[in-house]
Amino acid sequence: PTDVRSFLMEMAILGFVDYDTQRELVFMRPKMRNFLLANSKKQDYDIIQFQSLTNSKNNAKLNLMNFDLHIYGVKEIFLSDSQYVSVYPRGEEIILKKNRDFEFGGLVRAGLFDFNASQCRFNYEHFKIDMNIIDSLMLYVEDKSQQPNYMGEYPLVLVKNSIQDIKGYIEIDEPNNKSSTKYTPKYPIYTSTSPGGVYYDKPEIFKGVYKRDKFYFRVLPFKLERLDDFETDSIE
């Protein structure tokens, strides 16, 4: 009986049951059913967690006017481990809103693409990230001048030029497949909704002689699928 009571207290702390210690009655909570259905792959689920680690400030602050929850000390948020999509908030701060939507700025890593962006919003229902300001989009490609490994994979190198001043959104997976238990090879998908540019005005490039208002490559809106597993040769 002692071991059973200890186990039930642990289950109650995790939110799976309500445990009446006086009458020694146990009531199953909805969380138990959700976990059982998800474990048997009869129900979709997600892996999203918000972990706050701070030293000098509170972990979170709730706005009682609109119920926005400002969370501090959030180093990273994994949205999908199968599609390799994660967020690294700038200043380790996010604003959590209704239904697990949240706003942030910082680095979005989607497969082989890195987005340094501002004014971003994660939409839980549609399982997508809207990025209103993308300061730079950088990608990794296969270096076919090197020898592949034993699995036939070439080493990845970061492309030196980045696409700047664009906006767009990432569809992480189908909205009813947040667990990625269903095979959907075309995800994640990035769609740009505005033109951008590739510039050469860095000081280390001939002392910045190529001013961005006079010399640049214009990049028209585009769409890329399979951000985590695309073929380098397929990019034009």
Protein backbone atom coordinates (compact mmCIF):
# COMPACT_ATOMS: atom_id res chain seq x y z
CA PRO A 1 0.00 0.00 0.00
CA THR A 2 2.83 2.44 0.74
CA ASP A 3 4.32 1.98 -2.73
CA VAL A 4 0.90 2.40 -4.37
CA ARG A 5 0.21 5.62 -2.47
CA SER A 6 3.62 7.01 -3.45
CA PHE A 7 3.00 6.12 -7.11
CA LEU A 8 -0.47 7.73 -7.05
CA MET A 9 0.95 10.94 -5.55
CA GLU A 10 3.48 11.10 -8.40
CA MET A 11 0.71 10.56 -10.98
CA ALA A 12 -1.35 13.31 -9.31
CA ILE A 13 1.57 15.75 -9.41
CA LEU A 14 1.97 15.05 -13.15
CA GLY A 15 -1.74 15.77 -13.67
CA PHE A 16 -2.84 12.29 -14.72
CA VAL A 17 -5.19 11.57 -11.77
CA ASP A 18 -6.95 13.25 -8.87
CA TYR A 19 -6.04 11.43 -5.65
CA ASP A 20 -8.27 11.82 -2.58
CA THR A 21 -5.90 10.78 0.20
CA GLN A 22 -8.58 10.94 2.91
CA ARG A 23 -11.00 8.53 1.23
CA GLU A 24 -8.25 6.84 -0.83
CA LEU A 25 -10.15 7.32 -4.08
CA VAL A 26 -8.53 7.86 -7.48
CA PHE A 27 -10.18 9.67 -10.42
CA MET A 28 -8.67 9.58 -13.90
CA ARG A 29 -8.21 13.00 -15.53
CA PRO A 30 -8.49 13.75 -19.29
CA LYS A 31 -4.69 13.99 -19.51
CA MET A 32 -4.45 10.25 -18.84
CA ARG A 33 -6.74 9.42 -21.75
CA ASN A 34 -4.90 11.84 -24.06
CA PHE A 35 -1.55 10.25 -23.26
CA LEU A 36 -2.87 6.73 -23.78
CA LEU A 37 -4.41 7.63 -27.15
CA ALA A 38 -1.25 9.44 -28.26
CA ASN A 39 0.99 6.58 -27.15
CA SER A 40 -1.09 4.14 -29.20
CA LYS A 41 -0.98 6.58 -32.18
CA LYS A 42 -4.76 6.93 -32.17
CA GLN A 43 -4.52 10.68 -31.49
CA ASP A 44 -2.20 13.46 -32.65
CA TYR A 45 0.10 15.18 -30.17
CA ASP A 46 2.98 17.66 -30.08
CA ILE A 47 6.38 17.89 -28.38
CA ILE A 48 6.23 21.62 -27.53
CA GLN A 49 7.59 22.63 -24.13
CA PHE A 50 8.52 26.00 -22.66
CA GLN A 51 11.44 25.71 -20.25
CA SER A 52 12.38 28.87 -18.36
CA LEU A 53 15.77 29.23 -16.67
CA THR A 54 16.56 32.66 -15.21
CA ASN A 55 18.92 34.08 -12.59
CA SER A 56 18.12 37.77 -12.24
CA LYS A 57 14.41 38.05 -13.11
CA ASN A 58 11.09 36.28 -12.74
CA ASN A 59 10.36 33.31 -14.96
CA ALA A 60 7.13 34.80 -16.30
CA LYS A 61 4.77 37.77 -16.07
CA LEU A 62 1.03 37.63 -16.82
CA ASN A 63 -0.77 40.63 -18.29
CA LEU A 64 -4.21 40.66 -16.66
CA MET A 65 -5.61 42.96 -19.35
CA ASN A 66 -5.21 40.51 -22.25
CA PHE A 67 -3.74 37.40 -20.53
CA ASP A 68 -0.52 37.51 -22.54
CA LEU A 69 2.13 35.52 -20.70
CA HIS A 70 5.65 36.91 -21.05
CA ILE A 71 8.09 34.05 -20.44
CA TYR A 72 11.78 34.77 -19.82
CA GLY A 73 14.84 32.54 -19.94
CA VAL A 74 13.62 30.41 -22.86
CA LYS A 75 16.75 29.33 -24.73
CA GLU A 76 15.10 27.09 -27.35
CA ILE A 77 11.75 25.63 -28.33
CA PHE A 78 11.49 22.45 -30.36
CA LEU A 79 8.36 22.52 -32.51
CA SER A 80 9.01 19.30 -34.42
CA ASP A 81 11.84 16.84 -33.87
CA SER A 82 10.85 14.87 -36.97
CA GLN A 83 10.90 17.88 -39.30
CA TYR A 84 13.84 19.52 -37.51
CA VAL A 85 12.12 22.83 -36.76
CA SER A 86 13.17 24.80 -33.69
CA VAL A 87 13.13 28.38 -32.39
CA TYR A 88 15.85 30.26 -30.50
CA PRO A 89 14.20 33.45 -29.15
CA ARG A 90 16.12 36.71 -29.15
CA GLY A 91 16.75 37.79 -25.57
CA GLU A 92 15.38 34.37 -24.49
CA GLU A 93 11.88 35.90 -24.31
CA ILE A 94 8.54 34.95 -25.84
CA ILE A 95 4.93 36.11 -25.44
CA LEU A 96 2.59 33.16 -25.05
CA LYS A 97 -0.97 33.74 -26.22
CA LYS A 98 -4.24 31.83 -26.45
CA ASN A 99 -4.13 28.20 -27.62
CA ARG A 100 -0.32 27.95 -27.45
CA ASP A 101 0.28 30.63 -30.07
CA PHE A 102 3.35 32.70 -29.24
CA GLU A 103 5.22 35.75 -30.54
CA PHE A 104 8.98 36.13 -30.67
CA GLY A 105 11.99 37.36 -32.60
CA GLY A 106 15.24 35.51 -33.18
CA LEU A 107 16.52 32.46 -35.02
CA VAL A 108 14.22 29.94 -36.68
CA ARG A 109 15.99 26.77 -37.75
CA ALA A 110 14.09 24.62 -40.25
CA GLY A 111 16.09 21.72 -41.59
CA LEU A 112 18.97 23.15 -43.64
CA PHE A 113 17.70 26.75 -43.47
CA ASP A 114 18.35 29.44 -40.84
CA PHE A 115 15.99 32.43 -40.63
CA ASN A 116 17.04 35.47 -38.58
CA ALA A 117 13.67 37.15 -38.18
CA SER A 118 11.60 39.64 -36.22
CA GLN A 119 7.88 40.03 -35.56
CA CYS A 120 7.31 36.29 -35.75
CA ARG A 121 4.21 34.43 -34.62
CA PHE A 122 3.76 30.70 -34.20
CA ASN A 123 0.22 29.58 -35.05
CA TYR A 124 -0.54 26.34 -33.22
CA GLU A 125 -3.82 25.52 -34.95
CA HIS A 126 -2.32 25.76 -38.45
CA PHE A 127 1.13 24.60 -37.24
CA LYS A 128 3.03 27.35 -39.05
CA ILE A 129 5.37 30.26 -38.34
CA ASP A 130 4.64 33.67 -39.84
CA MET A 131 7.73 35.87 -40.18
CA ASN A 132 6.97 39.51 -41.01
CA ILE A 133 10.60 40.64 -41.12
CA ILE A 134 13.36 38.23 -42.22
CA ASP A 135 16.69 40.00 -41.84
CA SER A 136 18.56 37.12 -43.44
CA LEU A 137 17.87 33.65 -44.81
CA MET A 138 20.90 31.36 -44.91
CA LEU A 139 21.13 27.78 -46.11
CA TYR A 140 23.44 24.82 -45.98
CA VAL A 141 24.25 22.88 -49.15
CA GLU A 142 26.13 19.71 -49.98
CA ASP A 143 29.83 20.16 -50.70
CA LYS A 144 30.27 17.70 -53.57
CA SER A 145 33.94 18.57 -53.89
CA GLN A 146 34.43 16.40 -50.79
CA GLN A 147 34.09 12.66 -50.43
CA PRO A 148 30.75 11.35 -49.13
CA ASN A 149 30.60 9.35 -45.91
CA TYR A 150 29.74 5.67 -45.64
CA MET A 151 26.03 6.53 -46.00
CA GLY A 152 26.63 8.42 -49.24
CA GLU A 153 26.07 11.82 -47.61
CA TYR A 154 28.21 14.83 -48.52
CA PRO A 155 29.37 17.29 -45.83
CA LEU A 156 27.26 20.43 -45.49
CA VAL A 157 28.65 23.95 -45.90
CA LEU A 158 26.99 27.30 -45.21
CA VAL A 159 26.38 29.42 -48.31
CA LYS A 160 28.24 32.72 -47.84
CA ASN A 161 25.52 34.91 -49.34
CA SER A 162 22.21 35.37 -47.55
CA ILE A 163 18.84 36.50 -48.90
CA GLN A 164 17.73 39.62 -47.03
CA ASP A 165 14.72 41.89 -46.55
CA ILE A 166 12.01 39.31 -47.24
CA LYS A 167 8.96 38.01 -45.43
CA GLY A 168 7.17 34.69 -45.51
CA TYR A 169 6.00 31.68 -43.54
CA ILE A 170 6.97 28.11 -42.72
CA GLU A 171 4.43 25.29 -42.76
CA ILE A 172 5.96 22.80 -40.34
CA ASP A 173 3.64 19.88 -41.10
CA GLU A 174 -0.02 19.21 -41.72
CA PRO A 175 -2.12 20.76 -38.90
CA ASN A 176 -3.48 17.34 -37.89
CA ASN A 177 -0.02 15.76 -37.94
CA LYS A 178 1.89 17.73 -35.31
CA SER A 179 3.47 14.49 -34.07
CA SER A 180 4.70 13.70 -37.62
CA THR A 181 3.59 10.09 -37.16
CA LYS A 182 2.12 10.27 -40.67
CA TYR A 183 4.79 10.42 -43.39
CA THR A 184 4.59 13.78 -45.19
CA PRO A 185 7.86 14.16 -47.14
CA LYS A 186 7.18 17.62 -48.62
CA TYR A 187 7.25 19.33 -45.20
CA PRO A 188 8.53 21.64 -43.87
CA ILE A 189 7.65 24.18 -46.58
CA TYR A 190 8.84 27.77 -46.79
CA THR A 191 6.91 30.31 -48.87
CA SER A 192 8.24 33.83 -49.39
CA THR A 193 5.58 36.50 -49.84
CA SER A 194 7.77 39.41 -50.92
CA PRO A 195 10.88 39.96 -53.07
CA GLY A 196 14.28 40.12 -51.41
CA GLY A 197 17.87 40.77 -52.32
CA VAL A 198 21.41 39.44 -52.08
CA TYR A 199 23.83 42.25 -51.22
CA TYR A 200 27.60 42.67 -51.27
CA ASP A 201 28.12 45.74 -49.09
CA LYS A 202 30.04 44.08 -46.26
CA PRO A 203 33.25 45.94 -45.29
CA GLU A 204 35.38 42.86 -46.00
CA ILE A 205 34.21 42.84 -49.67
CA PHE A 206 36.46 45.47 -51.26
CA LYS A 207 35.83 47.81 -48.31
CA GLY A 208 32.10 47.95 -48.96
CA VAL A 209 32.34 49.56 -52.39
CA TYR A 210 29.26 47.69 -53.67
CA LYS A 211 26.50 49.75 -52.07
CA ARG A 212 23.24 47.85 -51.68
CA ASP A 213 21.16 50.52 -53.42
CA LYS A 214 23.32 50.28 -56.56
CA PHE A 215 24.43 46.65 -56.83
CA TYR A 216 22.44 43.61 -55.75
CA PHE A 217 20.64 40.52 -57.00
CA ARG A 218 16.85 40.73 -56.75
CA VAL A 219 15.16 37.52 -55.59
CA LEU A 220 11.54 37.08 -56.61
CA PRO A 221 9.05 35.34 -54.28
CA PHE A 222 9.61 31.59 -54.20
CA LYS A 223 8.54 28.39 -52.49
CA LEU A 224 10.75 25.57 -51.21
CA GLU A 225 9.62 22.14 -50.00
CA ARG A 226 11.48 19.54 -47.94
CA LEU A 227 13.62 22.07 -46.08
CA ASP A 228 15.13 19.25 -44.02
CA ASP A 229 16.01 16.98 -46.95
CA PHE A 230 16.22 18.87 -50.22
CA GLU A 231 18.63 18.21 -53.05
CA THR A 232 21.22 20.94 -53.59
CA ASP A 233 21.03 20.48 -57.36
CA SER A 234 17.29 21.24 -57.30
CA ILE A 235 17.83 24.88 -56.30
CA GLU A 236 17.90 27.49 -59.02
